[in-house]
Amino acid sequence: SMSRTVSLDKSDELGQIATISGNGDKDIGNSIADAVKKVGKEGVITVEESKGSKELEVELTTGMQFDRGYLSPYFITNNEKMIVELDSPYLLITEKKLNIIQPLLPILEAVVKSGRPLLIIAEDVEGEALSTLVINKLRGGLKIAAVKAPGFGDRRKEMLEDIATLTGAK
């Protein structure tokens, strides 16, 4: 097989190659080429088959994404979409399992005073820690959500470091 590198600057060439990848469909080819130009060399492109719609849709997401959901449905902020949306949250990133609330109290008090939400990314949040977070969320005093850290073992540590770097966490 023959392979060669194509410069991201050569739109027409990129479009032709992407059109071939899209079974000869020029619209798909141009959309792929545009996506490649927008995300650059470091970006990631995910292609998904739509459920029902024949429309071609391109969504550009800045930041990062990982495949983990909220640890409790009580963290949901948008019941219609069943999702958690937090606006400019503080992040608490830890490799530890959080099951007692005591070490978190000073952080939670500072977060409540600030009025900003908090997203906890931890190996796990369970027991007393999880129930205390949920109760305070339901009471309305604390805008919060917790998710399990992505990955496993050494990979998890790397991913948490990546999240910290990307978000400017310390």
C-alpha atoms as a PDB file:
ATOM      1  CA  SER A   1       0.000   0.000   0.000  1.00  0.00           C
ATOM      2  CA  MET A   2       1.133   3.520  -0.743  1.00  0.00           C
ATOM      3  CA  SER A   3       0.953   6.227   1.891  1.00  0.00           C
ATOM      4  CA  ARG A   4       2.058   9.823   1.967  1.00  0.00           C
ATOM      5  CA  THR A   5       1.649  12.824   4.199  1.00  0.00           C
ATOM      6  CA  VAL A   6      -0.790  15.563   3.200  1.00  0.00           C
ATOM      7  CA  SER A   7      -0.289  19.091   4.485  1.00  0.00           C
ATOM      8  CA  LEU A   8      -3.215  20.511   6.440  1.00  0.00           C
ATOM      9  CA  ASP A   9      -2.714  23.737   4.484  1.00  0.00           C
ATOM     10  CA  LYS A  10      -3.699  22.155   1.155  1.00  0.00           C
ATOM     11  CA  SER A  11      -7.488  22.378   1.446  1.00  0.00           C
ATOM     12  CA  ASP A  12      -8.325  21.001  -1.983  1.00  0.00           C
ATOM     13  CA  GLU A  13      -6.078  17.963  -1.582  1.00  0.00           C
ATOM     14  CA  LEU A  14      -7.419  17.354   1.915  1.00  0.00           C
ATOM     15  CA  GLY A  15     -10.974  17.678   0.576  1.00  0.00           C
ATOM     16  CA  GLN A  16     -10.314  15.149  -2.200  1.00  0.00           C
ATOM     17  CA  ILE A  17      -8.894  12.590   0.217  1.00  0.00           C
ATOM     18  CA  ALA A  18     -11.753  13.152   2.668  1.00  0.00           C
ATOM     19  CA  THR A  19     -14.287  12.772  -0.185  1.00  0.00           C
ATOM     20  CA  ILE A  20     -12.793   9.375  -1.020  1.00  0.00           C
ATOM     21  CA  SER A  21     -13.150   8.448   2.673  1.00  0.00           C
ATOM     22  CA  GLY A  22     -16.784   9.609   2.515  1.00  0.00           C
ATOM     23  CA  ASN A  23     -17.625   7.187  -0.333  1.00  0.00           C
ATOM     24  CA  GLY A  24     -17.345   9.921  -2.953  1.00  0.00           C
ATOM     25  CA  ASP A  25     -19.774  12.290  -1.208  1.00  0.00           C
ATOM     26  CA  LYS A  26     -18.360  15.818  -1.637  1.00  0.00           C
ATOM     27  CA  ASP A  27     -20.407  17.291   1.251  1.00  0.00           C
ATOM     28  CA  ILE A  28     -19.026  14.680   3.618  1.00  0.00           C
ATOM     29  CA  GLY A  29     -15.533  15.206   2.192  1.00  0.00           C
ATOM     30  CA  ASN A  30     -15.674  18.974   2.666  1.00  0.00           C
ATOM     31  CA  SER A  31     -17.062  18.623   6.194  1.00  0.00           C
ATOM     32  CA  ILE A  32     -14.277  16.209   7.138  1.00  0.00           C
ATOM     33  CA  ALA A  33     -11.659  18.497   5.576  1.00  0.00           C
ATOM     34  CA  ASP A  34     -13.068  21.494   7.500  1.00  0.00           C
ATOM     35  CA  ALA A  35     -13.037  19.505  10.741  1.00  0.00           C
ATOM     36  CA  VAL A  36      -9.418  18.432  10.161  1.00  0.00           C
ATOM     37  CA  LYS A  37      -8.400  22.059   9.534  1.00  0.00           C
ATOM     38  CA  LYS A  38     -10.227  23.287  12.650  1.00  0.00           C
ATOM     39  CA  VAL A  39      -8.773  20.753  15.090  1.00  0.00           C
ATOM     40  CA  GLY A  40      -5.260  20.696  13.619  1.00  0.00           C
ATOM     41  CA  LYS A  41      -2.611  18.044  14.194  1.00  0.00           C
ATOM     42  CA  GLU A  42      -3.303  17.620  17.915  1.00  0.00           C
ATOM     43  CA  GLY A  43      -7.082  17.409  17.638  1.00  0.00           C
ATOM     44  CA  VAL A  44      -9.265  14.329  17.624  1.00  0.00           C
ATOM     45  CA  ILE A  45     -12.129  13.722  15.212  1.00  0.00           C
ATOM     46  CA  THR A  46     -14.939  11.344  16.117  1.00  0.00           C
ATOM     47  CA  VAL A  47     -17.413  10.267  13.446  1.00  0.00           C
ATOM     48  CA  GLU A  48     -20.769   8.914  14.547  1.00  0.00           C
ATOM     49  CA  GLU A  49     -23.678   7.578  12.548  1.00  0.00           C
ATOM     50  CA  SER A  50     -26.780   9.624  13.240  1.00  0.00           C
ATOM     51  CA  LYS A  51     -29.894   8.001  14.597  1.00  0.00           C
ATOM     52  CA  GLY A  52     -32.609   8.799  12.092  1.00  0.00           C
ATOM     53  CA  SER A  53     -31.493  12.120  10.639  1.00  0.00           C
ATOM     54  CA  LYS A  54     -29.873  12.220   7.201  1.00  0.00           C
ATOM     55  CA  GLU A  55     -28.459  15.671   7.976  1.00  0.00           C
ATOM     56  CA  LEU A  56     -24.713  16.103   8.176  1.00  0.00           C
ATOM     57  CA  GLU A  57     -23.810  17.743  11.451  1.00  0.00           C
ATOM     58  CA  VAL A  58     -20.378  18.910  12.577  1.00  0.00           C
ATOM     59  CA  GLU A  59     -19.888  19.763  16.233  1.00  0.00           C
ATOM     60  CA  LEU A  60     -16.665  21.348  17.452  1.00  0.00           C
ATOM     61  CA  THR A  61     -15.931  20.786  21.125  1.00  0.00           C
ATOM     62  CA  THR A  62     -13.072  22.643  22.719  1.00  0.00           C
ATOM     63  CA  GLY A  63     -11.543  21.198  25.825  1.00  0.00           C
ATOM     64  CA  MET A  64     -11.654  17.534  26.607  1.00  0.00           C
ATOM     65  CA  GLN A  65     -14.109  14.745  26.974  1.00  0.00           C
ATOM     66  CA  PHE A  66     -13.950  11.457  28.847  1.00  0.00           C
ATOM     67  CA  ASP A  67     -16.389   8.620  29.132  1.00  0.00           C
ATOM     68  CA  ARG A  68     -17.640   8.763  32.708  1.00  0.00           C
ATOM     69  CA  GLY A  69     -21.011   9.789  34.066  1.00  0.00           C
ATOM     70  CA  TYR A  70     -22.163  11.420  37.282  1.00  0.00           C
ATOM     71  CA  LEU A  71     -21.994   9.242  40.399  1.00  0.00           C
ATOM     72  CA  SER A  72     -25.548  10.020  41.482  1.00  0.00           C
ATOM     73  CA  PRO A  73     -28.646  11.030  39.509  1.00  0.00           C
ATOM     74  CA  TYR A  74     -29.218  13.632  42.250  1.00  0.00           C
ATOM     75  CA  PHE A  75     -26.413  15.693  40.657  1.00  0.00           C
ATOM     76  CA  ILE A  76     -28.520  16.218  37.489  1.00  0.00           C
ATOM     77  CA  THR A  77     -29.134  19.902  36.740  1.00  0.00           C
ATOM     78  CA  ASN A  78     -31.108  19.473  33.495  1.00  0.00           C
ATOM     79  CA  ASN A  79     -33.886  16.918  34.057  1.00  0.00           C
ATOM     80  CA  GLU A  80     -35.097  17.109  30.466  1.00  0.00           C
ATOM     81  CA  LYS A  81     -31.732  16.013  29.034  1.00  0.00           C
ATOM     82  CA  MET A  82     -30.697  14.020  32.146  1.00  0.00           C
ATOM     83  CA  ILE A  83     -27.342  15.817  32.257  1.00  0.00           C
ATOM     84  CA  VAL A  84     -25.263  17.826  34.690  1.00  0.00           C
ATOM     85  CA  GLU A  85     -24.303  21.314  33.522  1.00  0.00           C
ATOM     86  CA  LEU A  86     -21.925  23.379  35.647  1.00  0.00           C
ATOM     87  CA  ASP A  87     -20.894  26.895  34.673  1.00  0.00           C
ATOM     88  CA  SER A  88     -17.195  27.679  35.349  1.00  0.00           C
ATOM     89  CA  PRO A  89     -16.848  25.134  38.147  1.00  0.00           C
ATOM     90  CA  TYR A  90     -13.934  24.731  40.487  1.00  0.00           C
ATOM     91  CA  LEU A  91     -12.324  21.318  40.019  1.00  0.00           C
ATOM     92  CA  LEU A  92     -11.206  18.932  42.710  1.00  0.00           C
ATOM     93  CA  ILE A  93      -9.082  16.258  41.058  1.00  0.00           C
ATOM     94  CA  THR A  94      -7.785  13.356  43.133  1.00  0.00           C
ATOM     95  CA  GLU A  95      -6.543   9.798  42.671  1.00  0.00           C
ATOM     96  CA  LYS A  96      -8.078   8.899  46.028  1.00  0.00           C
ATOM     97  CA  LYS A  97     -11.377   7.306  46.977  1.00  0.00           C
ATOM     98  CA  LEU A  98     -13.454   9.798  48.907  1.00  0.00           C
ATOM     99  CA  ASN A  99     -15.685   8.186  51.514  1.00  0.00           C
ATOM    100  CA  ILE A 100     -15.454  10.477  54.544  1.00  0.00           C
ATOM    101  CA  ILE A 101     -16.549  14.103  54.418  1.00  0.00           C
ATOM    102  CA  GLN A 102     -14.216  15.646  57.031  1.00  0.00           C
ATOM    103  CA  PRO A 103     -11.233  16.367  54.699  1.00  0.00           C
ATOM    104  CA  LEU A 104     -13.599  17.969  52.159  1.00  0.00           C
ATOM    105  CA  LEU A 105     -15.359  20.370  54.544  1.00  0.00           C
ATOM    106  CA  PRO A 106     -12.940  23.350  54.234  1.00  0.00           C
ATOM    107  CA  ILE A 107     -13.081  23.039  50.425  1.00  0.00           C
ATOM    108  CA  LEU A 108     -16.888  22.812  50.397  1.00  0.00           C
ATOM    109  CA  GLU A 109     -17.238  25.831  52.698  1.00  0.00           C
ATOM    110  CA  ALA A 110     -14.976  27.917  50.435  1.00  0.00           C
ATOM    111  CA  VAL A 111     -16.898  26.785  47.340  1.00  0.00           C
ATOM    112  CA  VAL A 112     -20.279  27.687  48.910  1.00  0.00           C
ATOM    113  CA  LYS A 113     -18.936  31.170  49.816  1.00  0.00           C
ATOM    114  CA  SER A 114     -17.668  31.680  46.257  1.00  0.00           C
ATOM    115  CA  GLY A 115     -21.061  30.879  44.731  1.00  0.00           C
ATOM    116  CA  ARG A 116     -19.387  28.841  41.996  1.00  0.00           C
ATOM    117  CA  PRO A 117     -20.072  25.151  41.369  1.00  0.00           C
ATOM    118  CA  LEU A 118     -17.633  22.317  42.118  1.00  0.00           C
ATOM    119  CA  LEU A 119     -16.850  19.270  39.997  1.00  0.00           C
ATOM    120  CA  ILE A 120     -15.104  16.444  41.812  1.00  0.00           C
ATOM    121  CA  ILE A 121     -13.135  13.961  39.717  1.00  0.00           C
ATOM    122  CA  ALA A 122     -11.963  11.133  41.981  1.00  0.00           C
ATOM    123  CA  GLU A 123     -11.229   7.410  41.906  1.00  0.00           C
ATOM    124  CA  ASP A 124     -14.614   7.086  43.597  1.00  0.00           C
ATOM    125  CA  VAL A 125     -16.930   9.014  45.905  1.00  0.00           C
ATOM    126  CA  GLU A 126     -19.038   6.857  48.185  1.00  0.00           C
ATOM    127  CA  GLY A 127     -20.579   6.444  51.621  1.00  0.00           C
ATOM    128  CA  GLU A 128     -20.711   9.472  53.904  1.00  0.00           C
ATOM    129  CA  ALA A 129     -18.919  11.704  51.379  1.00  0.00           C
ATOM    130  CA  LEU A 130     -21.392  10.977  48.568  1.00  0.00           C
ATOM    131  CA  SER A 131     -24.496  11.249  50.760  1.00  0.00           C
ATOM    132  CA  THR A 132     -23.316  14.561  52.274  1.00  0.00           C
ATOM    133  CA  LEU A 133     -22.654  16.014  48.797  1.00  0.00           C
ATOM    134  CA  VAL A 134     -26.073  14.862  47.556  1.00  0.00           C
ATOM    135  CA  ILE A 135     -27.925  16.243  50.611  1.00  0.00           C
ATOM    136  CA  ASN A 136     -26.213  19.638  50.255  1.00  0.00           C
ATOM    137  CA  LYS A 137     -26.914  19.707  46.506  1.00  0.00           C
ATOM    138  CA  LEU A 138     -30.614  18.946  47.129  1.00  0.00           C
ATOM    139  CA  ARG A 139     -30.840  21.631  49.813  1.00  0.00           C
ATOM    140  CA  GLY A 140     -29.640  24.093  47.193  1.00  0.00           C
ATOM    141  CA  GLY A 141     -26.604  25.369  49.066  1.00  0.00           C
ATOM    142  CA  LEU A 142     -24.033  23.575  46.955  1.00  0.00           C
ATOM    143  CA  LYS A 143     -23.829  23.362  43.166  1.00  0.00           C
ATOM    144  CA  ILE A 144     -21.859  20.157  42.797  1.00  0.00           C
ATOM    145  CA  ALA A 145     -21.296  16.998  40.791  1.00  0.00           C
ATOM    146  CA  ALA A 146     -18.904  14.097  41.173  1.00  0.00           C
ATOM    147  CA  VAL A 147     -17.600  11.710  38.524  1.00  0.00           C
ATOM    148  CA  LYS A 148     -15.279   8.720  38.600  1.00  0.00           C
ATOM    149  CA  ALA A 149     -11.853   9.436  37.186  1.00  0.00           C
ATOM    150  CA  PRO A 150     -11.315   8.063  33.676  1.00  0.00           C
ATOM    151  CA  GLY A 151      -8.919   5.190  32.931  1.00  0.00           C
ATOM    152  CA  PHE A 152      -7.320   2.580  35.172  1.00  0.00           C
ATOM    153  CA  GLY A 153      -4.020   2.265  37.041  1.00  0.00           C
ATOM    154  CA  ASP A 154      -1.130   4.277  35.589  1.00  0.00           C
ATOM    155  CA  ARG A 155      -3.334   5.420  32.705  1.00  0.00           C
ATOM    156  CA  ARG A 156      -5.756   6.975  35.223  1.00  0.00           C
ATOM    157  CA  LYS A 157      -2.911   8.934  36.843  1.00  0.00           C
ATOM    158  CA  GLU A 158      -1.834  10.234  33.399  1.00  0.00           C
ATOM    159  CA  MET A 159      -5.387  11.215  32.482  1.00  0.00           C
ATOM    160  CA  LEU A 160      -5.864  13.071  35.781  1.00  0.00           C
ATOM    161  CA  GLU A 161      -2.578  14.897  35.149  1.00  0.00           C
ATOM    162  CA  ASP A 162      -3.808  15.784  31.642  1.00  0.00           C
ATOM    163  CA  ILE A 163      -7.063  17.151  33.076  1.00  0.00           C
ATOM    164  CA  ALA A 164      -5.105  19.148  35.668  1.00  0.00           C
ATOM    165  CA  THR A 165      -2.777  20.560  32.995  1.00  0.00           C
ATOM    166  CA  LEU A 166      -5.627  21.424  30.632  1.00  0.00           C
ATOM    167  CA  THR A 167      -7.647  23.171  33.341  1.00  0.00           C
ATOM    168  CA  GLY A 168      -4.760  24.864  35.142  1.00  0.00           C
ATOM    169  CA  ALA A 169      -5.460  22.869  38.318  1.00  0.00           C
ATOM    170  CA  LYS A 170      -2.707  22.584  40.926  1.00  0.00           C
END
